[in-house]
């Protein structure tokens, strides 16, 4: 037997560490005081959705949650996902609910059942296996007829089939409310004939099992409590929007919670203002109070055309920037909204009132509908807040992954500091490429080798030598602090054109 080659050349495979992921700053949490089956569990705080139809299936098309989600998903580009979060605005008692299986949306029609005369399927209800066979669908003319054929075979059981025309899905439900027997997935017990379980989308991987619950009461909570409870359960969200009407005190409380989140958990909020009195610069106006704080965290859109969720689409437009692309950074001004009616009768006086407070509005300029002015309440530009949040998150994750991702270590030396700075320069270049950072003159104080009046190409990173580090920080294995100077590219919002002529 030959000797192993490892005695001459030994190869060691080192584990590649799993890096931390950047936050998805396009995710908006829509808070609603409306209830749905998914909230029957007291611990359930949120539902992840990818379009407004999913919200309609949960809350109905007449709900504020659906209307807010419709506005949000109307943004171009369309957000990939959103969160519908529970907000118990008033104490509510939830009636007992049925155990059920909610199928996913169907891609078929009743025509697919019409050719089947010997259909069958099976499922568990509690500990009992229920078998249905001999299903003849040859005379059906819609999906409701399909459920009637199946329910005729279920008369002796405490379950029923339902077709949800809004969500275009089948639901298998108990006839008895409250806790008790629960369902198992539909499966093929090979009863003989044509198995139809796969046509119902009530099989494992295509549906959701929901257990019955007894009646329960939920105590009233404040906006801060609702926000905190969601944050404790799930952290990958950035935008906040309340689908139901909130009063001035609730708006202030939600705003204060958001600004208290700091850098790592940075959030922004959107609010639709429909009251003409709240564009006035008076002390009784809550928006003036918040405008004076100028937190740069609250975007407000004024609308007097009945679009009560105009700001939801505004937020969708603002947060769908692709920060790792080329020339993808954008200003919010000039953008079109498809869920909002243009207020073509807004006066110069009203527009100036909105500008003074930092309130956005949707109107037309020379017949072109567009958003104005693309600012947070108080005047900070929306794209600056979201861009800086994206940059800070990217730098933080990049530095963390560099420190923990090395197979050996990054030394506490000037060479180690160079490695760390080189890694975060990648983020600086990324934000030059996407257009958020640009070249220009530095007009703040001196920083390292950067002085007032110097040209800066987007970013400048600087740190002192480890020769200046004190013993306490060295013993704590701290790297040297890194100073970062950024030159924002900004965005052109207006221009003066001077025309001269000569005869």
Protein backbone atom coordinates (compact mmCIF):
# COMPACT_ATOMS: atom_id res chain seq x y z
CA UNK A 1 0.00 0.00 0.00
CA UNK A 2 1.33 3.45 -0.93
CA UNK A 3 2.10 5.97 1.77
CA UNK A 4 -0.28 8.97 1.91
CA UNK A 5 0.86 12.02 -0.02
CA UNK A 6 -0.03 14.17 3.00
CA UNK A 7 3.27 13.08 4.52
CA UNK A 8 4.94 15.19 1.82
CA UNK A 9 2.29 17.83 1.03
CA UNK A 10 -0.36 18.36 3.69
CA UNK A 11 -3.33 20.54 2.67
CA UNK A 12 -5.57 22.07 5.32
CA UNK A 13 -9.02 23.37 4.35
CA UNK A 14 -9.93 26.36 6.49
CA UNK A 15 -13.57 27.11 7.20
CA UNK A 16 -14.82 30.23 5.43
CA UNK A 17 -16.69 32.30 8.06
CA UNK A 18 -20.27 33.38 7.50
CA UNK A 19 -20.32 37.17 7.14
CA UNK A 20 -22.98 39.48 8.52
CA UNK A 21 -25.58 40.75 6.04
CA UNK A 22 -26.45 44.37 5.35
CA UNK A 23 -29.93 45.54 6.33
CA UNK A 24 -32.61 45.65 3.67
CA UNK A 25 -33.44 49.36 3.74
CA UNK A 26 -36.34 48.92 1.30
CA UNK A 27 -38.60 47.11 3.80
CA UNK A 28 -41.52 49.12 5.18
CA UNK A 29 -43.52 48.03 8.22
CA UNK A 30 -47.18 49.00 7.81
CA UNK A 31 -48.80 49.08 11.25
CA UNK A 32 -52.53 48.37 11.41
CA UNK A 33 -55.14 48.11 14.15
CA UNK A 34 -57.12 45.67 12.00
CA UNK A 35 -57.07 41.99 12.85
CA UNK A 36 -56.74 38.86 10.74
CA UNK A 37 -56.39 35.11 11.29
CA UNK A 38 -52.60 35.39 11.43
CA UNK A 39 -52.89 37.55 14.55
CA UNK A 40 -54.96 35.06 16.51
CA UNK A 41 -51.76 33.89 18.13
CA UNK A 42 -50.97 36.47 20.85
CA UNK A 43 -47.26 36.24 20.00
CA UNK A 44 -47.77 37.00 16.30
CA UNK A 45 -46.70 40.59 15.58
CA UNK A 46 -46.11 40.70 11.84
CA UNK A 47 -46.73 39.14 8.42
CA UNK A 48 -44.31 39.41 5.50
CA UNK A 49 -46.06 40.13 2.17
CA UNK A 50 -44.82 40.69 -1.38
CA UNK A 51 -47.85 42.38 -2.96
CA UNK A 52 -51.17 44.02 -2.13
CA UNK A 53 -53.18 40.92 -3.10
CA UNK A 54 -51.72 39.03 -0.17
CA UNK A 55 -52.87 41.82 2.14
CA UNK A 56 -56.36 41.66 0.58
CA UNK A 57 -56.50 37.94 1.33
CA UNK A 58 -55.66 38.63 4.97
CA UNK A 59 -57.63 41.79 5.74
CA UNK A 60 -60.03 42.29 2.81
CA UNK A 61 -60.08 44.96 0.13
CA UNK A 62 -61.99 47.43 2.33
CA UNK A 63 -59.26 47.52 4.96
CA UNK A 64 -56.84 50.36 5.62
CA UNK A 65 -54.02 47.81 5.62
CA UNK A 66 -54.88 46.88 2.03
CA UNK A 67 -55.22 50.49 0.89
CA UNK A 68 -51.87 51.44 2.45
CA UNK A 69 -50.18 48.37 0.95
CA UNK A 70 -51.67 49.17 -2.46
CA UNK A 71 -50.18 52.65 -2.31
CA UNK A 72 -46.80 51.32 -1.15
CA UNK A 73 -46.60 48.64 -3.86
CA UNK A 74 -47.63 51.20 -6.49
CA UNK A 75 -44.18 52.79 -6.21
CA UNK A 76 -41.83 52.44 -9.17
CA UNK A 77 -39.73 50.38 -8.75
CA UNK A 78 -42.02 48.17 -6.70
CA UNK A 79 -40.81 47.16 -3.23
CA UNK A 80 -39.98 43.46 -3.06
CA UNK A 81 -41.51 42.88 0.37
CA UNK A 82 -43.27 44.69 3.18
CA UNK A 83 -44.35 43.86 6.71
CA UNK A 84 -47.90 44.18 8.02
CA UNK A 85 -47.46 44.71 11.74
CA UNK A 86 -50.02 44.53 14.53
CA UNK A 87 -50.89 47.69 16.46
CA UNK A 88 -53.56 47.32 19.15
CA UNK A 89 -54.71 50.92 19.14
CA UNK A 90 -57.71 50.14 21.36
CA UNK A 91 -58.41 47.15 23.58
CA UNK A 92 -60.05 44.51 21.41
CA UNK A 93 -61.65 41.12 21.98
CA UNK A 94 -60.97 38.59 19.27
CA UNK A 95 -63.73 36.02 18.78
CA UNK A 96 -62.89 32.34 18.69
CA UNK A 97 -61.54 31.23 15.33
CA UNK A 98 -61.73 28.09 13.23
CA UNK A 99 -58.88 25.70 12.56
CA UNK A 100 -58.22 25.74 8.83
CA UNK A 101 -55.83 25.27 5.96
CA UNK A 102 -55.33 28.38 3.82
CA UNK A 103 -54.23 27.41 0.33
CA UNK A 104 -52.01 29.60 -1.81
CA UNK A 105 -53.32 31.43 -4.88
CA UNK A 106 -54.37 29.14 -7.73
CA UNK A 107 -53.03 29.33 -11.27
CA UNK A 108 -55.87 27.13 -12.60
CA UNK A 109 -59.63 27.49 -13.20
CA UNK A 110 -62.61 25.17 -12.83
CA UNK A 111 -61.86 23.87 -16.36
CA UNK A 112 -59.05 21.76 -14.91
CA UNK A 113 -61.59 19.95 -12.71
CA UNK A 114 -64.22 19.45 -15.43
CA UNK A 115 -62.53 16.43 -16.98
CA UNK A 116 -62.33 14.59 -13.62
CA UNK A 117 -65.13 12.16 -12.73
CA UNK A 118 -63.34 10.03 -10.14
CA UNK A 119 -61.46 12.55 -7.99
CA UNK A 120 -60.20 11.85 -4.49
CA UNK A 121 -58.10 13.32 -1.68
CA UNK A 122 -57.34 12.69 2.00
CA UNK A 123 -56.42 14.74 5.06
CA UNK A 124 -56.26 14.45 8.83
CA UNK A 125 -58.64 16.34 11.10
CA UNK A 126 -57.44 15.78 14.63
CA UNK A 127 -56.54 12.10 14.88
CA UNK A 128 -59.06 11.05 12.22
CA UNK A 129 -58.12 10.44 8.60
CA UNK A 130 -60.84 11.71 6.28
CA UNK A 131 -60.96 10.17 2.81
CA UNK A 132 -63.07 11.66 0.01
CA UNK A 133 -63.50 9.79 -3.25
CA UNK A 134 -65.85 9.49 -6.23
CA UNK A 135 -65.79 13.25 -6.93
CA UNK A 136 -67.47 13.99 -10.28
CA UNK A 137 -66.73 17.53 -11.51
CA UNK A 138 -68.02 17.10 -15.06
CA UNK A 139 -70.91 19.57 -14.59
CA UNK A 140 -69.12 22.36 -12.69
CA UNK A 141 -69.15 25.87 -14.16
CA UNK A 142 -67.13 27.74 -11.51
CA UNK A 143 -64.97 27.17 -8.46
CA UNK A 144 -67.95 27.43 -6.09
CA UNK A 145 -69.43 24.39 -7.86
CA UNK A 146 -66.17 22.55 -7.16
CA UNK A 147 -66.53 23.21 -3.43
CA UNK A 148 -70.20 22.09 -3.50
CA UNK A 149 -69.21 18.72 -4.99
CA UNK A 150 -66.56 18.22 -2.29
CA UNK A 151 -68.79 19.44 0.56
CA UNK A 152 -71.51 16.98 -0.45
CA UNK A 153 -69.07 14.25 0.57
CA UNK A 154 -68.29 15.99 3.87
CA UNK A 155 -71.82 16.29 5.27
CA UNK A 156 -71.06 13.80 8.06
CA UNK A 157 -67.86 15.59 9.09
CA UNK A 158 -67.26 18.83 10.97
CA UNK A 159 -65.25 20.36 8.10
CA UNK A 160 -66.00 22.24 4.90
CA UNK A 161 -64.34 23.45 1.71
CA UNK A 162 -64.46 27.18 0.84
CA UNK A 163 -63.35 29.03 -2.28
CA UNK A 164 -61.97 32.51 -1.52
CA UNK A 165 -62.66 34.48 -4.71
CA UNK A 166 -60.57 37.49 -3.56
CA UNK A 167 -57.44 35.48 -2.87
CA UNK A 168 -58.30 32.88 -5.57
CA UNK A 169 -57.58 30.03 -3.19
CA UNK A 170 -59.23 27.08 -1.47
CA UNK A 171 -59.69 27.01 2.29
CA UNK A 172 -60.41 23.85 4.27
CA UNK A 173 -62.07 24.93 7.51
CA UNK A 174 -63.53 23.42 10.64
CA UNK A 175 -67.21 24.06 11.30
CA UNK A 176 -66.49 24.45 15.02
CA UNK A 177 -64.84 27.54 16.53
CA UNK A 178 -62.09 27.49 19.12
CA UNK A 179 -59.31 25.15 20.13
CA UNK A 180 -59.76 21.48 19.40
CA UNK A 181 -59.08 19.33 16.37
CA UNK A 182 -56.61 20.78 13.87
CA UNK A 183 -55.84 19.89 10.27
CA UNK A 184 -53.04 18.07 8.60
CA UNK A 185 -52.04 18.66 4.96
CA UNK A 186 -54.02 17.12 2.12
CA UNK A 187 -52.21 14.01 0.87
CA UNK A 188 -52.52 11.11 -1.56
CA UNK A 189 -53.78 7.96 0.18
CA UNK A 190 -54.05 6.17 -3.20
CA UNK A 191 -57.78 5.58 -2.92
CA UNK A 192 -58.11 4.83 -6.63
CA UNK A 193 -59.15 7.33 -9.29
CA UNK A 194 -57.70 10.81 -9.94
CA UNK A 195 -55.90 12.51 -7.08
CA UNK A 196 -56.90 16.22 -6.90
CA UNK A 197 -54.92 17.40 -3.87
CA UNK A 198 -52.31 19.13 -6.04
CA UNK A 199 -55.09 21.11 -7.76
CA UNK A 200 -56.29 22.57 -4.45
CA UNK A 201 -52.91 23.91 -3.22
CA UNK A 202 -53.78 22.47 0.20
CA UNK A 203 -50.73 20.21 0.18
CA UNK A 204 -47.50 20.54 2.15
CA UNK A 205 -45.45 23.42 0.71
CA UNK A 206 -48.44 25.19 -0.87
CA UNK A 207 -50.59 26.14 2.12
CA UNK A 208 -50.62 27.34 5.72
CA UNK A 209 -52.02 25.36 8.66
CA UNK A 210 -53.88 27.53 11.17
CA UNK A 211 -54.97 26.14 14.51
CA UNK A 212 -58.29 27.15 16.03
CA UNK A 213 -58.11 29.57 18.94
CA UNK A 214 -60.51 30.45 21.73
CA UNK A 215 -61.72 34.02 22.16
CA UNK A 216 -59.05 36.34 23.55
CA UNK A 217 -58.59 39.99 24.54
CA UNK A 218 -55.67 42.21 23.57
CA UNK A 219 -54.89 45.22 25.73
CA UNK A 220 -54.43 48.68 24.25
CA UNK A 221 -50.82 49.56 23.45
CA UNK A 222 -49.01 52.76 22.55
CA UNK A 223 -47.25 53.29 19.20
CA UNK A 224 -43.89 52.95 20.98
CA UNK A 225 -44.96 49.61 22.44
CA UNK A 226 -46.09 48.33 19.04
CA UNK A 227 -42.83 49.47 17.43
CA UNK A 228 -40.69 47.97 20.19
CA UNK A 229 -42.52 44.64 20.13
CA UNK A 230 -41.96 44.32 16.39
CA UNK A 231 -38.30 45.30 16.75
CA UNK A 232 -37.84 42.67 19.47
CA UNK A 233 -39.24 39.95 17.19
CA UNK A 234 -37.81 41.02 13.83
CA UNK A 235 -35.16 43.62 12.96
CA UNK A 236 -34.83 43.69 9.17
CA UNK A 237 -37.14 46.64 8.45
CA UNK A 238 -36.50 50.33 7.97
CA UNK A 239 -39.64 52.28 7.06
CA UNK A 240 -42.64 52.91 9.32
CA UNK A 241 -46.17 53.74 8.18
CA UNK A 242 -49.42 53.65 10.15
CA UNK A 243 -52.32 52.52 7.98
CA UNK A 244 -55.00 53.65 10.41
CA UNK A 245 -55.53 57.22 11.56
CA UNK A 246 -53.28 58.24 14.42
CA UNK A 247 -53.73 61.37 16.52
CA UNK A 248 -51.12 64.06 17.14
CA UNK A 249 -49.89 62.53 20.39
CA UNK A 250 -49.45 59.13 18.73
CA UNK A 251 -47.57 60.73 15.83
CA UNK A 252 -45.17 62.47 18.24
CA UNK A 253 -44.64 59.26 20.22
CA UNK A 254 -43.91 57.21 17.08
CA UNK A 255 -41.53 59.93 15.82
CA UNK A 256 -39.71 60.06 19.16
CA UNK A 257 -39.30 56.27 19.18
CA UNK A 258 -37.79 56.38 15.70
CA UNK A 259 -35.23 59.07 16.45
CA UNK A 260 -34.19 57.15 19.59
CA UNK A 261 -33.10 54.11 17.56
CA UNK A 262 -29.65 55.46 16.82
CA UNK A 263 -27.37 54.53 13.94
CA UNK A 264 -27.43 50.73 13.96
CA UNK A 265 -31.24 50.42 14.01
CA UNK A 266 -31.96 53.62 12.06
CA UNK A 267 -35.57 54.02 10.91
CA UNK A 268 -37.61 56.53 8.93
CA UNK A 269 -41.35 57.22 9.04
CA UNK A 270 -43.94 58.48 6.56
CA UNK A 271 -47.19 60.29 7.37
CA UNK A 272 -50.03 61.46 5.13
CA UNK A 273 -51.46 64.84 6.14
CA UNK A 274 -54.98 65.61 4.87
CA UNK A 275 -55.81 68.61 7.09
CA UNK A 276 -55.35 72.03 5.42
CA UNK A 277 -54.81 73.57 8.88
CA UNK A 278 -51.66 71.48 9.34
CA UNK A 279 -49.67 73.24 6.66
CA UNK A 280 -49.96 76.48 8.62
CA UNK A 281 -46.91 77.80 10.46
CA UNK A 282 -48.62 78.08 13.85
CA UNK A 283 -47.69 76.72 17.26
CA UNK A 284 -50.87 74.62 17.50
CA UNK A 285 -49.83 72.61 14.43
CA UNK A 286 -48.11 69.35 15.44
CA UNK A 287 -46.19 69.36 12.14
CA UNK A 288 -44.66 72.73 12.99
CA UNK A 289 -43.56 71.30 16.34
CA UNK A 290 -41.90 68.32 14.66
CA UNK A 291 -40.53 70.47 11.85
CA UNK A 292 -38.67 72.64 14.35
CA UNK A 293 -36.93 69.50 15.64
CA UNK A 294 -35.73 68.74 12.09
CA UNK A 295 -34.86 65.13 12.93
CA UNK A 296 -34.62 64.15 9.26
CA UNK A 297 -36.59 60.99 10.08
CA UNK A 298 -40.21 61.89 9.17
CA UNK A 299 -41.42 62.38 5.60
CA UNK A 300 -44.85 63.99 5.29
CA UNK A 301 -47.01 64.33 2.19
CA UNK A 302 -49.95 66.72 2.09
CA UNK A 303 -52.96 65.56 0.09
CA UNK A 304 -56.43 67.08 -0.17
CA UNK A 305 -57.65 64.85 -2.99
CA UNK A 306 -58.78 61.95 -0.83
CA UNK A 307 -55.58 59.87 -1.22
CA UNK A 308 -55.22 59.11 2.47
CA UNK A 309 -52.14 56.94 1.95
CA UNK A 310 -50.19 59.15 -0.45
CA UNK A 311 -47.14 59.08 1.83
CA UNK A 312 -47.02 55.29 1.67
CA UNK A 313 -46.16 55.51 -2.04
CA UNK A 314 -43.77 58.38 -1.29
CA UNK A 315 -41.93 56.08 1.10
CA UNK A 316 -41.96 53.27 -1.46
CA UNK A 317 -40.31 55.58 -3.99
CA UNK A 318 -37.74 56.80 -1.45
CA UNK A 319 -36.67 53.42 -0.11
CA UNK A 320 -36.33 51.38 -3.31
CA UNK A 321 -32.89 52.75 -4.22
CA UNK A 322 -30.41 50.03 -5.22
CA UNK A 323 -27.29 51.20 -3.39
CA UNK A 324 -24.90 48.64 -4.90
CA UNK A 325 -25.72 49.62 -8.50
CA UNK A 326 -24.22 52.07 -10.99
CA UNK A 327 -25.78 55.57 -11.04
CA UNK A 328 -28.75 54.31 -9.02
CA UNK A 329 -28.88 57.00 -6.31
CA UNK A 330 -31.92 59.20 -6.88
CA UNK A 331 -33.66 62.28 -5.63
CA UNK A 332 -37.31 61.95 -4.61
CA UNK A 333 -38.32 65.25 -6.19
CA UNK A 334 -39.71 65.05 -9.76
CA UNK A 335 -40.98 61.47 -9.31
CA UNK A 336 -44.47 60.40 -10.41
CA UNK A 337 -47.02 58.70 -8.17
CA UNK A 338 -49.58 56.36 -9.71
CA UNK A 339 -51.85 55.95 -6.67
CA UNK A 340 -52.18 59.69 -6.04
CA UNK A 341 -54.32 62.27 -7.81
CA UNK A 342 -52.33 65.35 -8.77
CA UNK A 343 -53.46 68.46 -6.91
CA UNK A 344 -53.35 70.73 -9.93
CA UNK A 345 -55.15 73.50 -8.06
CA UNK A 346 -52.58 73.96 -5.29
CA UNK A 347 -51.68 77.64 -5.02
CA UNK A 348 -48.27 79.27 -4.77
CA UNK A 349 -49.23 80.32 -1.23
CA UNK A 350 -50.06 76.71 -0.22
CA UNK A 351 -46.87 75.42 -1.87
CA UNK A 352 -44.79 77.96 0.06
CA UNK A 353 -46.46 76.92 3.34
CA UNK A 354 -45.55 73.30 2.63
CA UNK A 355 -41.96 74.23 1.73
CA UNK A 356 -41.54 76.24 4.91
CA UNK A 357 -42.38 73.20 7.05
CA UNK A 358 -40.74 70.62 4.81
CA UNK A 359 -43.99 68.97 3.68
CA UNK A 360 -44.15 67.23 0.30
CA UNK A 361 -47.04 67.56 -2.13
CA UNK A 362 -47.99 66.17 -5.54
CA UNK A 363 -48.94 68.65 -8.22
CA UNK A 364 -48.17 69.57 -11.80
CA UNK A 365 -45.62 71.95 -13.27
CA UNK A 366 -46.51 73.03 -16.81
CA UNK A 367 -48.78 69.99 -17.08
CA UNK A 368 -46.21 67.50 -15.74
CA UNK A 369 -47.25 65.74 -12.53
CA UNK A 370 -44.43 65.39 -10.01
CA UNK A 371 -43.54 65.19 -6.34
CA UNK A 372 -42.21 68.26 -4.62
CA UNK A 373 -39.92 68.78 -2.74
CA UNK A 374 -38.45 65.41 -1.76
CA UNK A 375 -37.70 66.43 1.83
CA UNK A 376 -38.11 65.20 5.38
CA UNK A 377 -40.19 67.34 7.71
CA UNK A 378 -37.93 70.26 8.58
CA UNK A 379 -36.17 70.40 5.23
CA UNK A 380 -33.54 67.64 5.24
CA UNK A 381 -33.55 65.95 1.84
CA UNK A 382 -34.97 62.43 1.94
CA UNK A 383 -32.24 60.98 -0.26
CA UNK A 384 -29.53 62.33 2.07
CA UNK A 385 -31.04 60.61 5.11
CA UNK A 386 -31.58 57.28 3.35
CA UNK A 387 -28.21 57.45 1.59
CA UNK A 388 -26.27 58.13 4.78
CA UNK A 389 -28.15 55.34 6.56
CA UNK A 390 -27.25 52.96 3.73
CA UNK A 391 -23.61 54.08 3.75
CA UNK A 392 -23.25 53.74 7.54
CA UNK A 393 -24.82 50.29 7.52
CA UNK A 394 -22.60 49.15 4.65
CA UNK A 395 -19.42 50.45 6.33
CA UNK A 396 -20.36 48.90 9.67
CA UNK A 397 -21.03 45.47 8.11
CA UNK A 398 -17.91 45.67 5.93
CA UNK A 399 -15.67 46.48 8.91
CA UNK A 400 -17.26 43.75 11.04
CA UNK A 401 -16.88 41.13 8.31
CA UNK A 402 -13.24 42.17 7.81
CA UNK A 403 -12.46 41.78 11.51
CA UNK A 404 -14.24 38.45 11.98
CA UNK A 405 -13.61 37.02 8.54
CA UNK A 406 -9.84 36.72 8.67
CA UNK A 407 -8.61 33.13 9.09
CA UNK A 408 -5.88 34.42 11.43
CA UNK A 409 -6.21 37.98 12.73
CA UNK A 410 -5.86 41.65 11.86
CA UNK A 411 -2.93 42.91 13.92
CA UNK A 412 -3.06 45.97 16.17
CA UNK A 413 -0.47 47.69 14.01
CA UNK A 414 -0.47 50.40 11.40
CA UNK A 415 -0.42 47.62 8.79
CA UNK A 416 -3.54 46.11 10.36
CA UNK A 417 -5.18 49.54 10.29
CA UNK A 418 -4.37 49.81 6.58
CA UNK A 419 -6.09 46.47 5.96
CA UNK A 420 -9.22 47.65 7.78
CA UNK A 421 -9.33 51.00 6.00
CA UNK A 422 -8.72 49.36 2.63
CA UNK A 423 -11.73 47.12 3.20
CA UNK A 424 -14.11 49.99 3.89
CA UNK A 425 -12.76 51.96 0.93
CA UNK A 426 -14.66 49.38 -1.12
CA UNK A 427 -17.87 50.90 0.27
CA UNK A 428 -16.66 54.40 -0.55
CA UNK A 429 -16.09 53.38 -4.17
CA UNK A 430 -19.48 51.67 -4.24
CA UNK A 431 -21.20 54.90 -3.20
CA UNK A 432 -19.26 56.88 -5.80
CA UNK A 433 -20.44 54.40 -8.41
CA UNK A 434 -24.08 54.63 -7.34
CA UNK A 435 -23.91 58.43 -7.49
CA UNK A 436 -24.45 59.27 -3.83
CA UNK A 437 -20.90 60.57 -3.34
CA UNK A 438 -19.13 62.93 -5.70
CA UNK A 439 -16.03 65.08 -6.06
CA UNK A 440 -15.86 68.64 -4.80
CA UNK A 441 -14.28 71.09 -2.37
CA UNK A 442 -14.02 70.21 1.33
CA UNK A 443 -15.53 73.11 3.30
CA UNK A 444 -15.32 71.80 6.87
CA UNK A 445 -12.41 71.67 9.31
CA UNK A 446 -9.08 69.94 8.78
CA UNK A 447 -9.00 66.17 9.08
CA UNK A 448 -5.68 64.34 8.84
CA UNK A 449 -4.22 65.31 5.49
CA UNK A 450 -7.49 66.91 4.35
CA UNK A 451 -7.71 70.68 4.76
CA UNK A 452 -10.38 73.28 4.14
CA UNK A 453 -10.58 74.03 0.41
CA UNK A 454 -9.00 70.73 -0.71
CA UNK A 455 -10.62 68.68 -3.46
CA UNK A 456 -12.12 65.42 -2.22
CA UNK A 457 -13.26 62.58 -4.48
CA UNK A 458 -16.29 61.31 -2.64
CA UNK A 459 -14.65 60.13 0.57
CA UNK A 460 -11.55 60.33 2.74
CA UNK A 461 -10.66 57.91 5.55
CA UNK A 462 -8.05 58.76 8.15
CA UNK A 463 -6.71 57.35 11.41
CA UNK A 464 -3.72 58.10 13.63
CA UNK A 465 -0.81 55.73 14.11
CA UNK A 466 -0.89 53.06 16.80
CA UNK A 467 2.11 54.91 18.29
CA UNK A 468 -0.45 57.34 19.76
CA UNK A 469 -2.70 54.65 21.31
CA UNK A 470 -2.93 54.51 25.08
CA UNK A 471 -2.34 51.32 27.03
CA UNK A 472 -5.97 50.84 28.08
CA UNK A 473 -7.22 50.76 24.47
CA UNK A 474 -4.38 48.48 23.42
CA UNK A 475 -5.14 46.06 26.25
CA UNK A 476 -8.81 46.14 25.17
CA UNK A 477 -7.62 45.18 21.62
CA UNK A 478 -9.19 48.24 20.05
CA UNK A 479 -8.22 49.34 16.56
CA UNK A 480 -7.50 53.03 16.07
CA UNK A 481 -10.59 55.22 15.45
CA UNK A 482 -11.27 55.86 11.75
CA UNK A 483 -12.42 59.31 10.72
CA UNK A 484 -14.53 59.47 7.58
CA UNK A 485 -15.14 62.59 5.48
CA UNK A 486 -17.86 62.36 2.82
CA UNK A 487 -18.62 64.68 -0.07
CA UNK A 488 -22.22 64.14 -1.13
CA UNK A 489 -22.99 64.47 -4.82
CA UNK A 490 -26.29 66.19 -4.00
CA UNK A 491 -29.00 66.55 -6.65
CA UNK A 492 -30.03 69.42 -8.90
CA UNK A 493 -33.53 70.61 -8.02
CA UNK A 494 -33.65 73.95 -9.82
CA UNK A 495 -31.66 76.15 -12.18
CA UNK A 496 -31.52 79.79 -13.27
CA UNK A 497 -30.99 80.35 -16.97
CA UNK A 498 -29.80 83.82 -17.99
CA UNK A 499 -30.41 84.76 -21.59
CA UNK A 500 -28.52 87.59 -23.27
CA UNK A 501 -29.01 88.78 -26.77
CA UNK A 502 -27.38 91.21 -29.17
CA UNK A 503 -28.66 93.02 -32.23
